[in-house]
Amino acid sequence: MSTTFKPLADRVLIEPAPAEQMTASGIIIPDSAKEKPLKGKIIAAGEGKKDEPMTVKVGDEVLFGQYSGTEIKLDGNTYMIMRESDIYGIL
């Protein structure tokens, strides 16, 4: 992880949780059928807006929407960057 990356304003950098490899009944899920993970861990967070401080912090496990944010690659790893308002809640 690049320690020099700092999100601006109310944006957060999230490391998505790995996609499920197997169903509860033991069926292996192929890569083409895996769903995008909807939870992850906050790696970096901005300072917030002028009148709205951030309510999430680095290290929080969060849930976010399926179509939220943008995938980016840093140092060979895939992360999601999104606004704090795209996060549904803290786990």
N, C-alpha and C. Protein backbone atom coordinates (compact mmCIF):
# COMPACT_ATOMS: atom_id res chain seq x y z
N MET A 1 0.84 -1.19 0.00
CA MET A 1 0.00 0.00 0.00
C MET A 1 0.87 1.23 0.00
N SER A 2 0.54 2.16 -0.83
CA SER A 2 1.28 3.41 -0.91
C SER A 2 0.90 4.30 0.27
N THR A 3 1.86 4.58 1.13
CA THR A 3 1.58 5.41 2.30
C THR A 3 1.50 6.88 1.94
N THR A 4 1.87 7.25 0.72
CA THR A 4 1.83 8.64 0.32
C THR A 4 0.47 9.05 -0.23
N PHE A 5 -0.42 8.11 -0.48
CA PHE A 5 -1.75 8.44 -1.03
C PHE A 5 -2.63 8.97 0.09
N LYS A 6 -3.16 10.18 -0.09
CA LYS A 6 -4.05 10.79 0.89
C LYS A 6 -5.31 11.26 0.17
N PRO A 7 -6.47 10.63 0.45
CA PRO A 7 -7.72 11.09 -0.18
C PRO A 7 -8.05 12.52 0.25
N LEU A 8 -8.70 13.25 -0.62
CA LEU A 8 -9.09 14.63 -0.34
C LEU A 8 -10.53 14.71 0.16
N ALA A 9 -10.80 15.76 0.91
CA ALA A 9 -12.14 16.09 1.41
C ALA A 9 -12.80 14.89 2.08
N ASP A 10 -13.97 14.45 1.58
CA ASP A 10 -14.73 13.38 2.23
C ASP A 10 -14.56 12.04 1.53
N ARG A 11 -13.44 11.83 0.87
CA ARG A 11 -13.20 10.56 0.18
C ARG A 11 -12.42 9.60 1.06
N VAL A 12 -12.63 8.30 0.82
CA VAL A 12 -11.92 7.25 1.56
C VAL A 12 -11.36 6.24 0.57
N LEU A 13 -10.26 5.60 0.95
CA LEU A 13 -9.64 4.53 0.18
C LEU A 13 -9.94 3.24 0.91
N ILE A 14 -10.58 2.29 0.20
CA ILE A 14 -11.03 1.05 0.83
C ILE A 14 -10.37 -0.14 0.15
N GLU A 15 -9.90 -1.07 0.97
CA GLU A 15 -9.41 -2.35 0.46
C GLU A 15 -10.59 -3.31 0.50
N PRO A 16 -11.13 -3.70 -0.68
CA PRO A 16 -12.30 -4.58 -0.69
C PRO A 16 -11.99 -5.95 -0.09
N ALA A 17 -12.98 -6.52 0.57
CA ALA A 17 -12.85 -7.88 1.09
C ALA A 17 -12.78 -8.84 -0.10
N PRO A 18 -12.08 -9.95 0.04
CA PRO A 18 -12.00 -10.90 -1.08
C PRO A 18 -13.38 -11.48 -1.42
N ALA A 19 -13.61 -11.75 -2.70
CA ALA A 19 -14.87 -12.34 -3.14
C ALA A 19 -14.99 -13.77 -2.61
N GLU A 20 -16.22 -14.21 -2.40
CA GLU A 20 -16.46 -15.57 -1.91
C GLU A 20 -15.95 -16.58 -2.91
N GLN A 21 -15.23 -17.59 -2.44
CA GLN A 21 -14.67 -18.64 -3.30
C GLN A 21 -15.60 -19.85 -3.42
N MET A 22 -16.48 -20.01 -2.41
CA MET A 22 -17.32 -21.20 -2.35
C MET A 22 -18.66 -20.85 -1.71
N THR A 23 -19.73 -21.50 -2.16
CA THR A 23 -21.04 -21.28 -1.56
C THR A 23 -21.12 -22.02 -0.22
N ALA A 24 -22.17 -21.76 0.53
CA ALA A 24 -22.37 -22.42 1.83
C ALA A 24 -22.50 -23.94 1.67
N SER A 25 -23.00 -24.38 0.52
CA SER A 25 -23.17 -25.82 0.30
C SER A 25 -21.92 -26.48 -0.28
N GLY A 26 -20.85 -25.69 -0.52
CA GLY A 26 -19.59 -26.27 -0.97
C GLY A 26 -19.33 -26.19 -2.46
N ILE A 27 -20.16 -25.49 -3.21
CA ILE A 27 -19.96 -25.36 -4.66
C ILE A 27 -18.93 -24.25 -4.90
N ILE A 28 -17.91 -24.54 -5.69
CA ILE A 28 -16.88 -23.56 -6.00
C ILE A 28 -17.41 -22.57 -7.03
N ILE A 29 -17.23 -21.29 -6.77
CA ILE A 29 -17.72 -20.23 -7.65
C ILE A 29 -16.61 -19.85 -8.64
N PRO A 30 -16.87 -19.94 -9.96
CA PRO A 30 -15.85 -19.55 -10.95
C PRO A 30 -15.65 -18.03 -10.94
N ASP A 31 -14.48 -17.58 -11.39
CA ASP A 31 -14.17 -16.15 -11.40
C ASP A 31 -15.20 -15.33 -12.15
N SER A 32 -15.75 -15.86 -13.23
CA SER A 32 -16.70 -15.11 -14.04
C SER A 32 -18.04 -14.90 -13.33
N ALA A 33 -18.34 -15.68 -12.31
CA ALA A 33 -19.62 -15.57 -11.62
C ALA A 33 -19.50 -14.91 -10.25
N LYS A 34 -18.29 -14.56 -9.83
CA LYS A 34 -18.11 -13.94 -8.52
C LYS A 34 -18.69 -12.55 -8.50
N GLU A 35 -19.36 -12.23 -7.40
CA GLU A 35 -19.93 -10.90 -7.24
C GLU A 35 -18.90 -9.97 -6.63
N LYS A 36 -19.03 -8.70 -6.98
CA LYS A 36 -18.15 -7.67 -6.43
C LYS A 36 -18.39 -7.59 -4.92
N PRO A 37 -17.33 -7.58 -4.11
CA PRO A 37 -17.52 -7.50 -2.66
C PRO A 37 -18.18 -6.18 -2.27
N LEU A 38 -19.02 -6.22 -1.26
CA LEU A 38 -19.74 -5.03 -0.81
C LEU A 38 -19.26 -4.55 0.54
N LYS A 39 -18.13 -5.09 0.99
CA LYS A 39 -17.56 -4.62 2.25
C LYS A 39 -16.05 -4.55 2.11
N GLY A 40 -15.44 -3.81 3.01
CA GLY A 40 -13.99 -3.66 2.96
C GLY A 40 -13.48 -2.90 4.16
N LYS A 41 -12.18 -2.66 4.16
CA LYS A 41 -11.51 -1.99 5.27
C LYS A 41 -10.96 -0.66 4.78
N ILE A 42 -11.18 0.39 5.56
CA ILE A 42 -10.69 1.72 5.20
C ILE A 42 -9.18 1.77 5.42
N ILE A 43 -8.46 2.11 4.36
CA ILE A 43 -7.00 2.18 4.40
C ILE A 43 -6.53 3.62 4.61
N ALA A 44 -7.24 4.59 4.02
CA ALA A 44 -6.90 6.00 4.17
C ALA A 44 -8.19 6.81 4.07
N ALA A 45 -8.22 7.95 4.75
CA ALA A 45 -9.41 8.80 4.75
C ALA A 45 -9.00 10.26 4.68
N GLY A 46 -9.83 11.06 4.01
CA GLY A 46 -9.59 12.50 3.93
C GLY A 46 -9.96 13.18 5.25
N GLU A 47 -9.83 14.49 5.26
CA GLU A 47 -10.11 15.27 6.48
C GLU A 47 -11.59 15.57 6.66
N GLY A 48 -12.39 15.40 5.63
CA GLY A 48 -13.81 15.73 5.69
C GLY A 48 -14.05 17.10 5.08
N LYS A 49 -15.31 17.49 5.00
CA LYS A 49 -15.67 18.80 4.47
C LYS A 49 -15.58 19.84 5.58
N LYS A 50 -15.66 21.09 5.20
CA LYS A 50 -15.51 22.19 6.16
C LYS A 50 -16.50 22.08 7.32
N ASP A 51 -17.76 21.82 7.02
CA ASP A 51 -18.79 21.76 8.06
C ASP A 51 -19.15 20.33 8.46
N GLU A 52 -18.53 19.33 7.84
CA GLU A 52 -18.86 17.93 8.11
C GLU A 52 -17.60 17.11 8.35
N PRO A 53 -17.22 16.88 9.59
CA PRO A 53 -16.05 16.04 9.85
C PRO A 53 -16.36 14.58 9.48
N MET A 54 -15.32 13.81 9.23
CA MET A 54 -15.48 12.40 8.86
C MET A 54 -16.00 11.60 10.05
N THR A 55 -16.92 10.68 9.79
CA THR A 55 -17.43 9.80 10.85
C THR A 55 -16.77 8.43 10.80
N VAL A 56 -16.05 8.13 9.71
CA VAL A 56 -15.31 6.86 9.61
C VAL A 56 -13.83 7.16 9.77
N LYS A 57 -13.08 6.14 10.15
CA LYS A 57 -11.64 6.33 10.33
C LYS A 57 -10.88 5.14 9.76
N VAL A 58 -9.60 5.29 9.64
CA VAL A 58 -8.74 4.23 9.12
C VAL A 58 -8.88 3.00 10.01
N GLY A 59 -9.06 1.84 9.37
CA GLY A 59 -9.21 0.58 10.10
C GLY A 59 -10.64 0.12 10.24
N ASP A 60 -11.62 0.99 10.00
CA ASP A 60 -13.04 0.60 10.10
C ASP A 60 -13.40 -0.38 8.98
N GLU A 61 -14.21 -1.40 9.33
CA GLU A 61 -14.80 -2.31 8.34
C GLU A 61 -16.14 -1.71 7.96
N VAL A 62 -16.38 -1.50 6.66
CA VAL A 62 -17.59 -0.81 6.22
C VAL A 62 -18.32 -1.60 5.14
N LEU A 63 -19.62 -1.29 4.99
CA LEU A 63 -20.45 -1.79 3.89
C LEU A 63 -20.70 -0.64 2.93
N PHE A 64 -20.66 -0.93 1.62
CA PHE A 64 -20.92 0.11 0.63
C PHE A 64 -21.75 -0.47 -0.50
N GLY A 65 -22.29 0.40 -1.35
CA GLY A 65 -23.17 -0.01 -2.43
C GLY A 65 -22.43 -0.73 -3.55
N GLN A 66 -23.16 -1.56 -4.29
CA GLN A 66 -22.58 -2.36 -5.35
C GLN A 66 -21.94 -1.51 -6.45
N TYR A 67 -22.52 -0.39 -6.75
CA TYR A 67 -22.00 0.47 -7.82
C TYR A 67 -21.32 1.72 -7.28
N SER A 68 -20.93 1.71 -6.03
CA SER A 68 -20.28 2.85 -5.40
C SER A 68 -18.81 2.90 -5.74
N GLY A 69 -18.28 4.10 -5.82
CA GLY A 69 -16.86 4.30 -5.94
C GLY A 69 -16.25 3.92 -7.27
N THR A 70 -14.93 4.02 -7.30
CA THR A 70 -14.14 3.74 -8.49
C THR A 70 -12.98 2.84 -8.10
N GLU A 71 -12.75 1.80 -8.90
CA GLU A 71 -11.60 0.92 -8.65
C GLU A 71 -10.33 1.60 -9.13
N ILE A 72 -9.29 1.55 -8.30
CA ILE A 72 -7.98 2.07 -8.69
C ILE A 72 -6.92 1.05 -8.30
N LYS A 73 -5.79 1.11 -8.96
CA LYS A 73 -4.67 0.23 -8.64
C LYS A 73 -3.53 1.07 -8.09
N LEU A 74 -3.02 0.67 -6.93
CA LEU A 74 -1.86 1.31 -6.32
C LEU A 74 -0.90 0.21 -5.91
N ASP A 75 0.34 0.32 -6.34
CA ASP A 75 1.37 -0.66 -5.99
C ASP A 75 0.95 -2.09 -6.31
N GLY A 76 0.20 -2.28 -7.40
CA GLY A 76 -0.22 -3.61 -7.82
C GLY A 76 -1.44 -4.16 -7.10
N ASN A 77 -2.01 -3.43 -6.16
CA ASN A 77 -3.20 -3.87 -5.43
C ASN A 77 -4.40 -3.06 -5.90
N THR A 78 -5.59 -3.67 -5.86
CA THR A 78 -6.81 -3.01 -6.27
C THR A 78 -7.53 -2.46 -5.05
N TYR A 79 -7.92 -1.19 -5.12
CA TYR A 79 -8.64 -0.52 -4.04
C TYR A 79 -9.87 0.17 -4.61
N MET A 80 -10.75 0.60 -3.74
CA MET A 80 -11.92 1.40 -4.12
C MET A 80 -11.74 2.77 -3.49
N ILE A 81 -12.04 3.81 -4.26
CA ILE A 81 -12.07 5.16 -3.71
C ILE A 81 -13.48 5.68 -3.87
N MET A 82 -14.04 6.22 -2.80
CA MET A 82 -15.42 6.70 -2.84
C MET A 82 -15.63 7.79 -1.80
N ARG A 83 -16.75 8.45 -1.91
CA ARG A 83 -17.12 9.46 -0.91
C ARG A 83 -17.68 8.77 0.33
N GLU A 84 -17.56 9.43 1.44
CA GLU A 84 -18.08 8.87 2.69
C GLU A 84 -19.58 8.63 2.60
N SER A 85 -20.29 9.44 1.84
CA SER A 85 -21.75 9.29 1.72
C SER A 85 -22.14 8.01 0.98
N ASP A 86 -21.20 7.38 0.26
CA ASP A 86 -21.48 6.11 -0.43
C ASP A 86 -21.39 4.91 0.51
N ILE A 87 -20.91 5.14 1.72
CA ILE A 87 -20.78 4.07 2.71
C ILE A 87 -22.09 3.96 3.47
N TYR A 88 -22.61 2.71 3.57
CA TYR A 88 -23.88 2.47 4.26
C TYR A 88 -23.71 2.40 5.76
N GLY A 89 -22.61 1.82 6.24
CA GLY A 89 -22.43 1.71 7.68
C GLY A 89 -21.12 1.04 8.04
N ILE A 90 -20.82 1.07 9.33
CA ILE A 90 -19.62 0.47 9.88
C ILE A 90 -20.00 -0.87 10.50
N LEU A 91 -19.21 -1.90 10.22
CA LEU A 91 -19.47 -3.23 10.79
C LEU A 91 -18.85 -3.34 12.17
